[in-house]
Amino acid sequence: MNVIWRTLLVILRARLRVRRGAPLPPTEVATIRLTTLPTDIDMLRHMNNGRYLSLFDLGRWDLLIRTGLFDAMRRRGWYAVVSSETVTFRKSLELWQRFDVETRFVGHDDKALFMEHRAVVDGEVYARVIVRARMLRRTGGTVSHEELFAAVGRPEGVPGVDDWIHDWAAASALPSTKADAPSVWN
């Protein structure tokens, strides 16, 4: 809820862009312009590290709506959940600084879809996030890639997932929700 008004504004703008004839092919980069607000900064007077992830969610909303994937998911009772993400910071975003959130699909593995988000100022990357997301059904269970691609089409030209991303996804995975996962510190 911490960015609810921004979320609603991004959703409205994405819907307007689609209505005006500017849908986005699934292989394109979606871009939204944001400003670092006083509620985004921490005691060190730069954007809080956790806020980046919340603001990158806005880029995901824009991408899902403009590609038509969100409407297809809603009609079928599907939704996406983030199963893991990794962020790398390069430069700090300061108060009132304008920046772009760039978002694109970077591929999939046998269980999840991968997206990349970037915080960009004047063409320069300040931060990057890789997100691994699973598709689930409101009625329970997961959505297979075959079902997903049958519903929305298999996009051509999606870049391949880098090997390091596959390695990271495997290394950061927790046990399945059906398996035990005790909190034992070594």
C-alpha atoms as a PDB file:
ATOM      1  CA  MET A   1       0.000   0.000   0.000  1.00  0.00           C
ATOM      2  CA  ASN A   2       2.979   2.311   0.352  1.00  0.00           C
ATOM      3  CA  VAL A   3       2.821   3.362  -3.301  1.00  0.00           C
ATOM      4  CA  ILE A   4      -0.912   2.861  -3.936  1.00  0.00           C
ATOM      5  CA  TRP A   5      -1.517   6.269  -5.543  1.00  0.00           C
ATOM      6  CA  ARG A   6       1.454   5.867  -7.860  1.00  0.00           C
ATOM      7  CA  THR A   7       0.250   2.347  -8.729  1.00  0.00           C
ATOM      8  CA  LEU A   8      -3.221   3.589  -9.621  1.00  0.00           C
ATOM      9  CA  LEU A   9      -1.735   6.392 -11.716  1.00  0.00           C
ATOM     10  CA  VAL A  10       0.570   3.983 -13.597  1.00  0.00           C
ATOM     11  CA  ILE A  11      -2.345   1.607 -14.277  1.00  0.00           C
ATOM     12  CA  LEU A  12      -4.520   4.473 -15.546  1.00  0.00           C
ATOM     13  CA  ARG A  13      -1.744   5.811 -17.794  1.00  0.00           C
ATOM     14  CA  ALA A  14      -0.965   2.336 -19.171  1.00  0.00           C
ATOM     15  CA  ARG A  15      -4.668   1.773 -19.990  1.00  0.00           C
ATOM     16  CA  LEU A  16      -4.842   5.175 -21.704  1.00  0.00           C
ATOM     17  CA  ARG A  17      -1.751   4.406 -23.780  1.00  0.00           C
ATOM     18  CA  VAL A  18      -3.321   1.132 -24.950  1.00  0.00           C
ATOM     19  CA  ARG A  19      -6.622   2.874 -25.781  1.00  0.00           C
ATOM     20  CA  ARG A  20      -4.737   5.488 -27.782  1.00  0.00           C
ATOM     21  CA  GLY A  21      -3.294   2.716 -29.918  1.00  0.00           C
ATOM     22  CA  ALA A  22       0.063   2.251 -28.211  1.00  0.00           C
ATOM     23  CA  PRO A  23       0.055  -1.367 -26.987  1.00  0.00           C
ATOM     24  CA  LEU A  24       3.472  -2.838 -26.360  1.00  0.00           C
ATOM     25  CA  PRO A  25       4.830  -5.980 -28.001  1.00  0.00           C
ATOM     26  CA  PRO A  26       6.024  -8.410 -25.291  1.00  0.00           C
ATOM     27  CA  THR A  27       9.646  -8.184 -26.449  1.00  0.00           C
ATOM     28  CA  GLU A  28       9.860  -4.387 -26.088  1.00  0.00           C
ATOM     29  CA  VAL A  29      11.128  -2.356 -23.146  1.00  0.00           C
ATOM     30  CA  ALA A  30       8.375  -0.575 -21.194  1.00  0.00           C
ATOM     31  CA  THR A  31       9.374   2.786 -19.718  1.00  0.00           C
ATOM     32  CA  ILE A  32       7.739   4.967 -17.095  1.00  0.00           C
ATOM     33  CA  ARG A  33       9.056   8.267 -15.711  1.00  0.00           C
ATOM     34  CA  LEU A  34       9.169   8.745 -11.934  1.00  0.00           C
ATOM     35  CA  THR A  35      10.526  11.249  -9.428  1.00  0.00           C
ATOM     36  CA  THR A  36      12.192  10.445  -6.117  1.00  0.00           C
ATOM     37  CA  LEU A  37       9.765  11.801  -3.514  1.00  0.00           C
ATOM     38  CA  PRO A  38      10.374  12.629   0.172  1.00  0.00           C
ATOM     39  CA  THR A  39       8.584   9.381   1.107  1.00  0.00           C
ATOM     40  CA  ASP A  40      11.172   7.435  -0.945  1.00  0.00           C
ATOM     41  CA  ILE A  41      14.293   8.600   0.823  1.00  0.00           C
ATOM     42  CA  ASP A  42      15.940   7.274   3.973  1.00  0.00           C
ATOM     43  CA  MET A  43      18.000   8.915   6.708  1.00  0.00           C
ATOM     44  CA  LEU A  44      20.981   9.099   4.355  1.00  0.00           C
ATOM     45  CA  ARG A  45      18.938  11.363   2.021  1.00  0.00           C
ATOM     46  CA  HIS A  46      18.886   9.006  -0.938  1.00  0.00           C
ATOM     47  CA  MET A  47      16.304   6.509  -2.134  1.00  0.00           C
ATOM     48  CA  ASN A  48      15.803   3.709   0.363  1.00  0.00           C
ATOM     49  CA  ASN A  49      16.992   0.352  -0.974  1.00  0.00           C
ATOM     50  CA  GLY A  50      13.601  -1.282  -0.321  1.00  0.00           C
ATOM     51  CA  ARG A  51      11.747   1.454  -2.192  1.00  0.00           C
ATOM     52  CA  TYR A  52      13.461   0.506  -5.444  1.00  0.00           C
ATOM     53  CA  LEU A  53      11.623  -2.831  -5.397  1.00  0.00           C
ATOM     54  CA  SER A  54       8.284  -1.122  -4.746  1.00  0.00           C
ATOM     55  CA  LEU A  55       8.839   1.308  -7.592  1.00  0.00           C
ATOM     56  CA  PHE A  56       9.986  -1.441  -9.948  1.00  0.00           C
ATOM     57  CA  ASP A  57       6.588  -3.053  -9.285  1.00  0.00           C
ATOM     58  CA  LEU A  58       5.141  -0.029 -11.075  1.00  0.00           C
ATOM     59  CA  GLY A  59       7.176  -0.888 -14.151  1.00  0.00           C
ATOM     60  CA  ARG A  60       5.813  -4.413 -13.978  1.00  0.00           C
ATOM     61  CA  TRP A  61       2.218  -3.109 -13.885  1.00  0.00           C
ATOM     62  CA  ASP A  62       2.899  -0.934 -16.926  1.00  0.00           C
ATOM     63  CA  LEU A  63       4.449  -3.834 -18.858  1.00  0.00           C
ATOM     64  CA  LEU A  64       1.691  -6.331 -17.986  1.00  0.00           C
ATOM     65  CA  ILE A  65      -1.100  -3.932 -18.942  1.00  0.00           C
ATOM     66  CA  ARG A  66       0.457  -2.546 -22.117  1.00  0.00           C
ATOM     67  CA  THR A  67       1.325  -6.021 -23.466  1.00  0.00           C
ATOM     68  CA  GLY A  68      -2.223  -7.277 -22.757  1.00  0.00           C
ATOM     69  CA  LEU A  69      -0.951  -9.965 -20.411  1.00  0.00           C
ATOM     70  CA  PHE A  70      -2.746  -8.534 -17.375  1.00  0.00           C
ATOM     71  CA  ASP A  71      -6.192  -8.705 -19.022  1.00  0.00           C
ATOM     72  CA  ALA A  72      -5.536 -12.247 -20.254  1.00  0.00           C
ATOM     73  CA  MET A  73      -4.488 -13.265 -16.745  1.00  0.00           C
ATOM     74  CA  ARG A  74      -7.507 -11.627 -15.125  1.00  0.00           C
ATOM     75  CA  ARG A  75      -9.966 -13.313 -17.517  1.00  0.00           C
ATOM     76  CA  ARG A  76      -8.508 -16.722 -16.634  1.00  0.00           C
ATOM     77  CA  GLY A  77      -8.170 -16.183 -12.898  1.00  0.00           C
ATOM     78  CA  TRP A  78      -4.387 -16.190 -12.991  1.00  0.00           C
ATOM     79  CA  TYR A  79      -1.968 -13.996 -11.110  1.00  0.00           C
ATOM     80  CA  ALA A  80       1.786 -13.663 -10.811  1.00  0.00           C
ATOM     81  CA  VAL A  81       3.861 -13.805  -7.640  1.00  0.00           C
ATOM     82  CA  VAL A  82       7.499 -12.914  -7.268  1.00  0.00           C
ATOM     83  CA  SER A  83       9.414 -15.993  -6.157  1.00  0.00           C
ATOM     84  CA  SER A  84      12.827 -14.324  -5.987  1.00  0.00           C
ATOM     85  CA  GLU A  85      14.595 -11.159  -7.000  1.00  0.00           C
ATOM     86  CA  THR A  86      18.074  -9.762  -6.893  1.00  0.00           C
ATOM     87  CA  VAL A  87      19.071  -6.115  -6.985  1.00  0.00           C
ATOM     88  CA  THR A  88      22.351  -4.390  -7.761  1.00  0.00           C
ATOM     89  CA  PHE A  89      22.885  -0.717  -6.945  1.00  0.00           C
ATOM     90  CA  ARG A  90      25.344   1.420  -8.854  1.00  0.00           C
ATOM     91  CA  LYS A  91      24.488   5.048  -8.005  1.00  0.00           C
ATOM     92  CA  SER A  92      22.081   6.669  -5.566  1.00  0.00           C
ATOM     93  CA  LEU A  93      18.883   8.404  -6.599  1.00  0.00           C
ATOM     94  CA  GLU A  94      18.537  11.698  -4.740  1.00  0.00           C
ATOM     95  CA  LEU A  95      15.472  13.639  -3.596  1.00  0.00           C
ATOM     96  CA  TRP A  96      13.397  15.095  -6.490  1.00  0.00           C
ATOM     97  CA  GLN A  97      15.577  13.348  -9.074  1.00  0.00           C
ATOM     98  CA  ARG A  98      13.714  12.262 -12.219  1.00  0.00           C
ATOM     99  CA  PHE A  99      14.433   8.771 -13.492  1.00  0.00           C
ATOM    100  CA  ASP A 100      13.001   6.136 -15.798  1.00  0.00           C
ATOM    101  CA  VAL A 101      12.015   2.642 -14.804  1.00  0.00           C
ATOM    102  CA  GLU A 102      12.713   0.391 -17.778  1.00  0.00           C
ATOM    103  CA  THR A 103      11.163  -3.080 -17.717  1.00  0.00           C
ATOM    104  CA  ARG A 104      11.353  -6.044 -20.085  1.00  0.00           C
ATOM    105  CA  PHE A 105      10.836  -9.778 -20.166  1.00  0.00           C
ATOM    106  CA  VAL A 106      14.156 -11.619 -20.366  1.00  0.00           C
ATOM    107  CA  GLY A 107      12.862 -15.161 -20.764  1.00  0.00           C
ATOM    108  CA  HIS A 108      11.687 -18.143 -18.776  1.00  0.00           C
ATOM    109  CA  ASP A 109      12.776 -21.456 -17.352  1.00  0.00           C
ATOM    110  CA  ASP A 110      10.657 -24.550 -16.741  1.00  0.00           C
ATOM    111  CA  LYS A 111       8.784 -22.937 -13.809  1.00  0.00           C
ATOM    112  CA  ALA A 112       9.003 -19.160 -13.977  1.00  0.00           C
ATOM    113  CA  LEU A 113       9.179 -15.998 -16.057  1.00  0.00           C
ATOM    114  CA  PHE A 114      12.089 -13.577 -15.696  1.00  0.00           C
ATOM    115  CA  MET A 115      11.939  -9.795 -15.956  1.00  0.00           C
ATOM    116  CA  GLU A 116      14.580  -7.120 -15.698  1.00  0.00           C
ATOM    117  CA  HIS A 117      14.018  -3.633 -14.282  1.00  0.00           C
ATOM    118  CA  ARG A 118      16.417  -0.735 -14.466  1.00  0.00           C
ATOM    119  CA  ALA A 119      16.475   2.685 -12.827  1.00  0.00           C
ATOM    120  CA  VAL A 120      17.930   4.942 -15.526  1.00  0.00           C
ATOM    121  CA  VAL A 121      18.938   8.618 -15.440  1.00  0.00           C
ATOM    122  CA  ASP A 122      19.856  10.256 -18.751  1.00  0.00           C
ATOM    123  CA  GLY A 123      20.596   6.860 -20.296  1.00  0.00           C
ATOM    124  CA  GLU A 124      22.781   5.714 -17.385  1.00  0.00           C
ATOM    125  CA  VAL A 125      21.843   2.670 -15.263  1.00  0.00           C
ATOM    126  CA  TYR A 126      21.659   3.468 -11.539  1.00  0.00           C
ATOM    127  CA  ALA A 127      20.194   0.135 -10.359  1.00  0.00           C
ATOM    128  CA  ARG A 128      19.090  -3.176 -11.865  1.00  0.00           C
ATOM    129  CA  VAL A 129      16.753  -5.876 -10.605  1.00  0.00           C
ATOM    130  CA  ILE A 130      16.157  -9.369 -11.942  1.00  0.00           C
ATOM    131  CA  VAL A 131      12.773 -10.797 -10.951  1.00  0.00           C
ATOM    132  CA  ARG A 132      11.671 -14.422 -11.118  1.00  0.00           C
ATOM    133  CA  ALA A 133       7.877 -14.752 -11.062  1.00  0.00           C
ATOM    134  CA  ARG A 134       5.530 -17.742 -11.034  1.00  0.00           C
ATOM    135  CA  MET A 135       2.051 -17.819 -12.543  1.00  0.00           C
ATOM    136  CA  LEU A 136      -0.643 -19.160 -10.210  1.00  0.00           C
ATOM    137  CA  ARG A 137      -4.381 -19.813 -10.373  1.00  0.00           C
ATOM    138  CA  ARG A 138      -6.850 -18.216  -7.997  1.00  0.00           C
ATOM    139  CA  THR A 139      -8.439 -21.673  -7.711  1.00  0.00           C
ATOM    140  CA  GLY A 140      -5.089 -23.159  -6.684  1.00  0.00           C
ATOM    141  CA  GLY A 141      -2.094 -24.586  -8.500  1.00  0.00           C
ATOM    142  CA  THR A 142       0.320 -23.229 -11.058  1.00  0.00           C
ATOM    143  CA  VAL A 143      -0.119 -22.188 -14.668  1.00  0.00           C
ATOM    144  CA  SER A 144       2.128 -24.064 -17.069  1.00  0.00           C
ATOM    145  CA  HIS A 145       4.030 -22.215 -19.760  1.00  0.00           C
ATOM    146  CA  GLU A 146       2.081 -24.216 -22.351  1.00  0.00           C
ATOM    147  CA  GLU A 147      -1.191 -22.802 -20.983  1.00  0.00           C
ATOM    148  CA  LEU A 148       0.240 -19.310 -20.719  1.00  0.00           C
ATOM    149  CA  PHE A 149       1.614 -19.280 -24.257  1.00  0.00           C
ATOM    150  CA  ALA A 150      -1.572 -20.871 -25.625  1.00  0.00           C
ATOM    151  CA  ALA A 151      -3.557 -18.026 -24.066  1.00  0.00           C
ATOM    152  CA  VAL A 152      -1.354 -15.086 -24.982  1.00  0.00           C
ATOM    153  CA  GLY A 153       0.889 -16.425 -27.721  1.00  0.00           C
ATOM    154  CA  ARG A 154       4.560 -17.307 -27.521  1.00  0.00           C
ATOM    155  CA  PRO A 155       6.500 -14.101 -28.077  1.00  0.00           C
ATOM    156  CA  GLU A 156       9.253 -14.235 -30.654  1.00  0.00           C
ATOM    157  CA  GLY A 157      12.504 -12.441 -30.007  1.00  0.00           C
ATOM    158  CA  VAL A 158      12.558 -12.562 -26.203  1.00  0.00           C
ATOM    159  CA  PRO A 159      16.229 -12.493 -25.271  1.00  0.00           C
ATOM    160  CA  GLY A 160      17.622 -15.623 -23.699  1.00  0.00           C
ATOM    161  CA  VAL A 161      18.077 -15.860 -19.966  1.00  0.00           C
ATOM    162  CA  ASP A 162      21.755 -15.442 -19.099  1.00  0.00           C
ATOM    163  CA  ASP A 163      23.423 -18.453 -17.482  1.00  0.00           C
ATOM    164  CA  TRP A 164      24.164 -16.494 -14.308  1.00  0.00           C
ATOM    165  CA  ILE A 165      20.430 -15.859 -13.855  1.00  0.00           C
ATOM    166  CA  HIS A 166      19.702 -19.582 -14.012  1.00  0.00           C
ATOM    167  CA  ASP A 167      22.531 -20.187 -11.512  1.00  0.00           C
ATOM    168  CA  TRP A 168      21.190 -17.461  -9.196  1.00  0.00           C
ATOM    169  CA  ALA A 169      17.623 -18.819  -9.388  1.00  0.00           C
ATOM    170  CA  ALA A 170      18.800 -22.306  -8.457  1.00  0.00           C
ATOM    171  CA  ALA A 171      21.100 -21.080  -5.680  1.00  0.00           C
ATOM    172  CA  SER A 172      18.473 -18.823  -4.093  1.00  0.00           C
ATOM    173  CA  ALA A 173      15.564 -21.286  -4.240  1.00  0.00           C
ATOM    174  CA  LEU A 174      13.881 -22.366  -1.024  1.00  0.00           C
ATOM    175  CA  PRO A 175      12.175 -25.749  -0.584  1.00  0.00           C
ATOM    176  CA  SER A 176       8.752 -26.165  -2.156  1.00  0.00           C
ATOM    177  CA  THR A 177       5.733 -25.073  -0.108  1.00  0.00           C
ATOM    178  CA  LYS A 178       4.859 -28.751   0.313  1.00  0.00           C
ATOM    179  CA  ALA A 179       8.289 -29.604   1.804  1.00  0.00           C
ATOM    180  CA  ASP A 180       9.596 -28.865   5.267  1.00  0.00           C
ATOM    181  CA  ALA A 181      11.635 -25.694   5.605  1.00  0.00           C
ATOM    182  CA  PRO A 182      12.792 -25.437   9.227  1.00  0.00           C
ATOM    183  CA  SER A 183      14.594 -22.320  10.375  1.00  0.00           C
ATOM    184  CA  VAL A 184      17.879 -23.794  11.532  1.00  0.00           C
ATOM    185  CA  TRP A 185      20.926 -21.555  11.743  1.00  0.00           C
ATOM    186  CA  ASN A 186      24.318 -23.169  11.182  1.00  0.00           C
END
